[in-house]
Amino acid sequence: MLFTLGIYTLFTKQISNARRKEMFNKKEAEKKSEFYLNESMMNYETVKQFNNEDLEKNRYRGHLDELHNCAMTV
């Protein structure tokens, strides 16, 4: 019984640690994309003035793709 309990504990701990790491990565990607979106919105006039809408859109798309990849692993 102790052997089974020990194996179960180790298995559960490994799964929990892997899940915790995946959730941390997902939250980091989410924070990056939200920060970038807020920065882009705050600097809207500058982006419009220098005609960089496509650049900003591609950068944000990259952050969203990273977030999507993290969400697919969970």
N, C-alpha and C. Protein backbone atom coordinates (compact mmCIF):
# COMPACT_ATOMS: atom_id res chain seq x y z
N MET A 1 0.82 -1.18 0.00
CA MET A 1 0.00 0.00 0.00
C MET A 1 0.87 1.26 0.00
N LEU A 2 1.93 1.26 0.79
CA LEU A 2 2.82 2.43 0.83
C LEU A 2 3.51 2.63 -0.51
N PHE A 3 3.88 1.54 -1.17
CA PHE A 3 4.51 1.65 -2.49
C PHE A 3 3.56 2.30 -3.48
N THR A 4 2.32 1.87 -3.51
CA THR A 4 1.32 2.43 -4.41
C THR A 4 1.07 3.91 -4.09
N LEU A 5 0.98 4.23 -2.83
CA LEU A 5 0.78 5.62 -2.43
C LEU A 5 1.98 6.48 -2.83
N GLY A 6 3.18 5.95 -2.69
CA GLY A 6 4.39 6.67 -3.09
C GLY A 6 4.43 6.92 -4.59
N ILE A 7 4.11 5.90 -5.38
CA ILE A 7 4.09 6.04 -6.85
C ILE A 7 3.03 7.07 -7.25
N TYR A 8 1.86 6.99 -6.64
CA TYR A 8 0.79 7.94 -6.95
C TYR A 8 1.22 9.37 -6.61
N THR A 9 1.89 9.55 -5.48
CA THR A 9 2.35 10.87 -5.06
C THR A 9 3.36 11.43 -6.05
N LEU A 10 4.32 10.63 -6.45
CA LEU A 10 5.33 11.08 -7.42
C LEU A 10 4.69 11.43 -8.76
N PHE A 11 3.79 10.59 -9.22
CA PHE A 11 3.11 10.84 -10.49
C PHE A 11 2.30 12.14 -10.44
N THR A 12 1.56 12.32 -9.36
CA THR A 12 0.75 13.52 -9.20
C THR A 12 1.62 14.76 -9.13
N LYS A 13 2.73 14.67 -8.43
CA LYS A 13 3.63 15.81 -8.29
C LYS A 13 4.23 16.19 -9.64
N GLN A 14 4.63 15.22 -10.44
CA GLN A 14 5.19 15.49 -11.76
C GLN A 14 4.16 16.14 -12.68
N ILE A 15 2.97 15.62 -12.68
CA ILE A 15 1.90 16.17 -13.51
C ILE A 15 1.56 17.60 -13.06
N SER A 16 1.50 17.83 -11.76
CA SER A 16 1.18 19.16 -11.24
C SER A 16 2.26 20.16 -11.61
N ASN A 17 3.52 19.77 -11.52
CA ASN A 17 4.61 20.67 -11.87
C ASN A 17 4.60 21.00 -13.36
N ALA A 18 4.33 20.02 -14.20
CA ALA A 18 4.26 20.26 -15.64
C ALA A 18 3.09 21.20 -15.95
N ARG A 19 1.98 20.99 -15.33
CA ARG A 19 0.80 21.85 -15.54
C ARG A 19 1.07 23.27 -15.06
N ARG A 20 1.73 23.39 -13.91
CA ARG A 20 2.07 24.71 -13.38
C ARG A 20 2.98 25.48 -14.33
N LYS A 21 3.95 24.78 -14.92
CA LYS A 21 4.87 25.41 -15.87
C LYS A 21 4.12 25.86 -17.13
N GLU A 22 3.23 25.03 -17.65
CA GLU A 22 2.44 25.39 -18.83
C GLU A 22 1.56 26.61 -18.55
N MET A 23 0.93 26.64 -17.39
CA MET A 23 0.07 27.78 -17.05
C MET A 23 0.90 29.05 -16.88
N PHE A 24 2.09 28.94 -16.31
CA PHE A 24 2.97 30.09 -16.17
C PHE A 24 3.34 30.65 -17.55
N ASN A 25 3.69 29.77 -18.48
CA ASN A 25 4.04 30.21 -19.84
C ASN A 25 2.85 30.87 -20.53
N LYS A 26 1.67 30.32 -20.32
CA LYS A 26 0.47 30.90 -20.93
C LYS A 26 0.20 32.28 -20.36
N LYS A 27 0.31 32.44 -19.06
CA LYS A 27 0.06 33.74 -18.44
C LYS A 27 1.10 34.77 -18.87
N GLU A 28 2.35 34.35 -19.03
CA GLU A 28 3.39 35.27 -19.50
C GLU A 28 3.09 35.74 -20.93
N ALA A 29 2.69 34.83 -21.79
CA ALA A 29 2.35 35.19 -23.17
C ALA A 29 1.14 36.13 -23.19
N GLU A 30 0.18 35.87 -22.33
CA GLU A 30 -1.01 36.72 -22.25
C GLU A 30 -0.65 38.12 -21.76
N LYS A 31 0.23 38.20 -20.75
CA LYS A 31 0.66 39.51 -20.26
C LYS A 31 1.40 40.29 -21.33
N LYS A 32 2.27 39.60 -22.10
CA LYS A 32 3.01 40.28 -23.17
C LYS A 32 2.07 40.83 -24.23
N SER A 33 1.09 40.03 -24.64
CA SER A 33 0.18 40.49 -25.69
C SER A 33 -0.69 41.64 -25.18
N GLU A 34 -1.15 41.59 -23.94
CA GLU A 34 -1.96 42.68 -23.39
C GLU A 34 -1.13 43.96 -23.26
N PHE A 35 0.10 43.83 -22.81
CA PHE A 35 0.97 45.00 -22.67
C PHE A 35 1.22 45.63 -24.03
N TYR A 36 1.50 44.79 -25.02
CA TYR A 36 1.78 45.32 -26.35
C TYR A 36 0.56 46.00 -26.95
N LEU A 37 -0.60 45.43 -26.75
CA LEU A 37 -1.83 46.04 -27.26
C LEU A 37 -2.06 47.39 -26.59
N ASN A 38 -1.88 47.46 -25.28
CA ASN A 38 -2.06 48.73 -24.58
C ASN A 38 -1.06 49.78 -25.04
N GLU A 39 0.18 49.39 -25.23
CA GLU A 39 1.19 50.33 -25.71
C GLU A 39 0.84 50.84 -27.10
N SER A 40 0.39 49.95 -27.96
CA SER A 40 0.01 50.36 -29.31
C SER A 40 -1.16 51.33 -29.29
N MET A 41 -2.12 51.09 -28.42
CA MET A 41 -3.28 51.97 -28.34
C MET A 41 -2.90 53.33 -27.76
N MET A 42 -1.98 53.35 -26.81
CA MET A 42 -1.55 54.61 -26.22
C MET A 42 -0.74 55.44 -27.22
N ASN A 43 -0.04 54.77 -28.12
CA ASN A 43 0.78 55.46 -29.11
C ASN A 43 0.11 55.48 -30.49
N TYR A 44 -1.20 55.52 -30.49
CA TYR A 44 -1.97 55.45 -31.73
C TYR A 44 -1.58 56.56 -32.71
N GLU A 45 -1.46 57.78 -32.21
CA GLU A 45 -1.14 58.90 -33.09
C GLU A 45 0.23 58.74 -33.73
N THR A 46 1.20 58.27 -32.97
CA THR A 46 2.55 58.07 -33.49
C THR A 46 2.55 57.00 -34.57
N VAL A 47 1.83 55.92 -34.33
CA VAL A 47 1.76 54.84 -35.32
C VAL A 47 1.12 55.36 -36.60
N LYS A 48 0.05 56.12 -36.47
CA LYS A 48 -0.63 56.68 -37.64
C LYS A 48 0.27 57.67 -38.38
N GLN A 49 0.98 58.48 -37.63
CA GLN A 49 1.81 59.50 -38.24
C GLN A 49 2.93 58.90 -39.09
N PHE A 50 3.53 57.82 -38.60
CA PHE A 50 4.62 57.19 -39.33
C PHE A 50 4.16 56.04 -40.22
N ASN A 51 2.85 55.85 -40.31
CA ASN A 51 2.25 54.85 -41.20
C ASN A 51 2.80 53.44 -40.93
N ASN A 52 2.78 53.06 -39.65
CA ASN A 52 3.30 51.75 -39.24
C ASN A 52 2.20 50.79 -38.81
N GLU A 53 1.02 50.92 -39.35
CA GLU A 53 -0.07 50.04 -38.92
C GLU A 53 0.23 48.58 -39.22
N ASP A 54 0.81 48.32 -40.39
CA ASP A 54 1.11 46.93 -40.76
C ASP A 54 2.17 46.33 -39.84
N LEU A 55 3.18 47.12 -39.51
CA LEU A 55 4.22 46.63 -38.60
C LEU A 55 3.63 46.29 -37.24
N GLU A 56 2.82 47.18 -36.71
CA GLU A 56 2.20 46.93 -35.40
C GLU A 56 1.25 45.74 -35.46
N LYS A 57 0.52 45.62 -36.55
CA LYS A 57 -0.41 44.50 -36.70
C LYS A 57 0.36 43.18 -36.74
N ASN A 58 1.48 43.13 -37.44
CA ASN A 58 2.28 41.90 -37.53
C ASN A 58 2.92 41.55 -36.20
N ARG A 59 3.38 42.55 -35.48
CA ARG A 59 3.96 42.30 -34.15
C ARG A 59 2.91 41.74 -33.20
N TYR A 60 1.74 42.35 -33.21
CA TYR A 60 0.67 41.89 -32.33
C TYR A 60 0.21 40.49 -32.73
N ARG A 61 0.16 40.22 -34.03
CA ARG A 61 -0.21 38.89 -34.51
C ARG A 61 0.79 37.85 -33.99
N GLY A 62 2.08 38.21 -33.96
CA GLY A 62 3.10 37.31 -33.41
C GLY A 62 2.85 37.00 -31.94
N HIS A 63 2.47 38.02 -31.18
CA HIS A 63 2.15 37.80 -29.76
C HIS A 63 0.92 36.92 -29.61
N LEU A 64 -0.08 37.14 -30.45
CA LEU A 64 -1.28 36.31 -30.38
C LEU A 64 -1.00 34.87 -30.80
N ASP A 65 -0.13 34.69 -31.79
CA ASP A 65 0.24 33.33 -32.19
C ASP A 65 0.95 32.60 -31.06
N GLU A 66 1.83 33.32 -30.36
CA GLU A 66 2.52 32.72 -29.21
C GLU A 66 1.53 32.32 -28.13
N LEU A 67 0.56 33.20 -27.89
CA LEU A 67 -0.48 32.90 -26.90
C LEU A 67 -1.30 31.70 -27.34
N HIS A 68 -1.62 31.63 -28.61
CA HIS A 68 -2.39 30.50 -29.14
C HIS A 68 -1.61 29.20 -28.99
N ASN A 69 -0.31 29.23 -29.27
CA ASN A 69 0.51 28.02 -29.13
C ASN A 69 0.57 27.56 -27.69
N CYS A 70 0.66 28.50 -26.76
CA CYS A 70 0.67 28.14 -25.34
C CYS A 70 -0.68 27.56 -24.92
N ALA A 71 -1.75 28.11 -25.45
CA ALA A 71 -3.08 27.62 -25.08
C ALA A 71 -3.33 26.21 -25.64
N MET A 72 -2.73 25.92 -26.78
CA MET A 72 -2.94 24.60 -27.39
C MET A 72 -2.21 23.51 -26.62
N THR A 73 -1.16 23.84 -25.88
CA THR A 73 -0.43 22.83 -25.13
C THR A 73 -1.12 22.49 -23.82
N VAL A 74 -2.00 23.37 -23.35
CA VAL A 74 -2.67 23.15 -22.07
C VAL A 74 -3.77 22.18 -22.20
